[in-house]
Structure formats: C-alpha cells, structure tokens
Amino acid sequence: MSRFEILMPYYGDVRLMQDAVRSVLAQDGDDWRLTVVDDGKEPDVPGWFESLADPRVRYLRNETNLGVSGNFNRCVQLAEYDYLVLMGCDDLMHPNYLKVVRDALERFPDAGMVQPGVLVIGADGNPVGSLADTVKRRLYAPKDPGPLLMSGEPLAMSLMRGDWLYFPSVCWRTKEMQATGFRADLGVIQDLAIIVDLLLADVSLAVVPEVCFSYRRHAVSESSVTAFTGKRFEEARRFFRETADRLDAHGWHRAATISRRFVSSRLHALSMIPAAGRKAGLRGVGAMLSHVAGRRA
C-alpha cells in the first residue's frame, strides 16, 4: 500500500497555517503523515504544534531562513513515503483529498503526478473568480476534464501555452521529486521549472476532475509584488528561452516554439499594465511593455 507525505513549508500567517493543518488532520486512513517545516520565527507556533500531541504530525523549525526554494527543497528531502504533496500553508485540503488521489493512482498506477479538481478561494476563504483562473480553465486546461493521463510533448506543449496546474494541490511520486529538486535561481516560477524537468524525465500526469482542494489566491503575493517591478517577468523571459533550448535538444520542437513565444506570460503582463501604473508608476508600465514586446533583458 502506498503512503503519502504531506509537506507544508511554512512562513507567514499563523491562523491560516493552523487552518491548513486542521484540514490535513481531517483526512481519512492511516497511510499519511504531515511534516511542517517552519522558515519563520513566530513565537507561539512550536507550542501550538506540541499541544496537538498527534503522532501523525512532525514539526521542524529551520535555524536560519532558507527562502522559498530552499525550504521547498528541505521539505522534499525530508519525505520518506512513496508520494508527497507540497501543500501551501494557507491552502486547504478537503476531507476527500487523499481518497481522490488514491483512486487516481489506482486507475493510473504509472502516473508520477496527480492533479485533482481545485476550488479557488480568496483571503476570506470564500470562492473567488479571477481573470487568471478563468483563463487557466477556459483556454489552457484540457478540454477533457478527465480522468485522463497526459505525458510527453503534448503535455509540454499544453503547459508552455499556459500553466493550468495548481502546484500546491498536486500529488507527486517522491523519488522523482527528490532526484530533481527546485532551482535556487528562480523565485516565482520554480513550480513550472520542476514540472518541465519531470516531463523531460518521462514522468506522466493524471488529471481527475473531482474537487478536493482549496487553493487560496491573495491580492498581494510574492508573484504579485514582483510582477509590478518587472522582476517576475524578467525571470519568466529567461526561463522560457532556456526551456525552449532544452525542449529543442530533447527533440520536442513544437513545444520549444511555444515556449520561445511565451504568449501567456506576455498576455499576463499586458493585463497588468493599469495596476503596474498605479503601483510602480512609469517604471512598472515600462517593465510590462518590455515583456509584452518580448524584449531581451
């Protein structure tokens, strides 16, 4: 029987993290463990975990701040079970999450990744609809809602057109994640980078439609803040061009062409021009326009 390592890299809001932990504790079965790796210094957090007195929960605090990619990598290397979930510390598992994933792996035993159905919520926990999520679902996600198994260049082409996955909700086979790791030189696009690595290693993705996870979308996030200064898009340009070269070398020339154009990222920048003007003035607008035009940094 497969076992599941639920890993939660933590930094930020204590209340939201506690809600996330409680959502994991509501899972059924005895085939899982929760490991929380604290990259912050909030004083009351260790005591709260101690008060849980739950043998299914491990709590660790980093001696020094590792940053996003560093803490992700530490979490992944701590995994000892067959599969892992790298869950956001402000997201929520529905009580049926592990059941959905177990069923998907029984149906597609060769899958190295499972993307279940996701509900997008706001800071208040209520469902929200955003332009980004509407575009994901209507333009980029597969027209067939699943269950289905995807792999190889067709999946790479789909994700280079637009990343429609919800990374914190995905269940991963541990051995491939540990062999790959997150890139330290990427700040906000490291999720897509590791997926590309896995696809090039012939890892397949199972997609199932049943909703079992709430992904929290905040108005102010790491990706939002860096976007207004252009940092996110400078990183994106570099990533998509490097990825295109890798895809070409792998013989996936159609996927490479799509990556080299990075149309979805450029459209994202176009949609952010009004907000960039309000937040960062002419500098922000210039950064957006540069990315829309596809100029080299």
Foldseek 3Di string as FASTA:
>chain_A
DFAEEEEEEDDDDPVLLVQQVVLVVLADDDRYAYEYEYLDCPPCVVVVVVVVVDPRYHYHYDPHRLADQRSVLVRLVPDDTFKYFHAYSRKHFARCLVVVVVVLCVVVVQAFKEFEAEFEAEPVRHGDDDPLLVCLPPPQDDPPQDQDKDAALVVLLSVLLDNSGDRNSMMGGSVLCNVQGFDPVDRPCRSVVSVLVVRLVTHMYGGYYDYGIYHYDYPDDPLNVCLLQLNNLLRLLVVLQVSLVVCVVSVSNSSSVSSNPSQVSLVVLVVCLVVSCVPPNPSSNVSSVCSNVSHHD
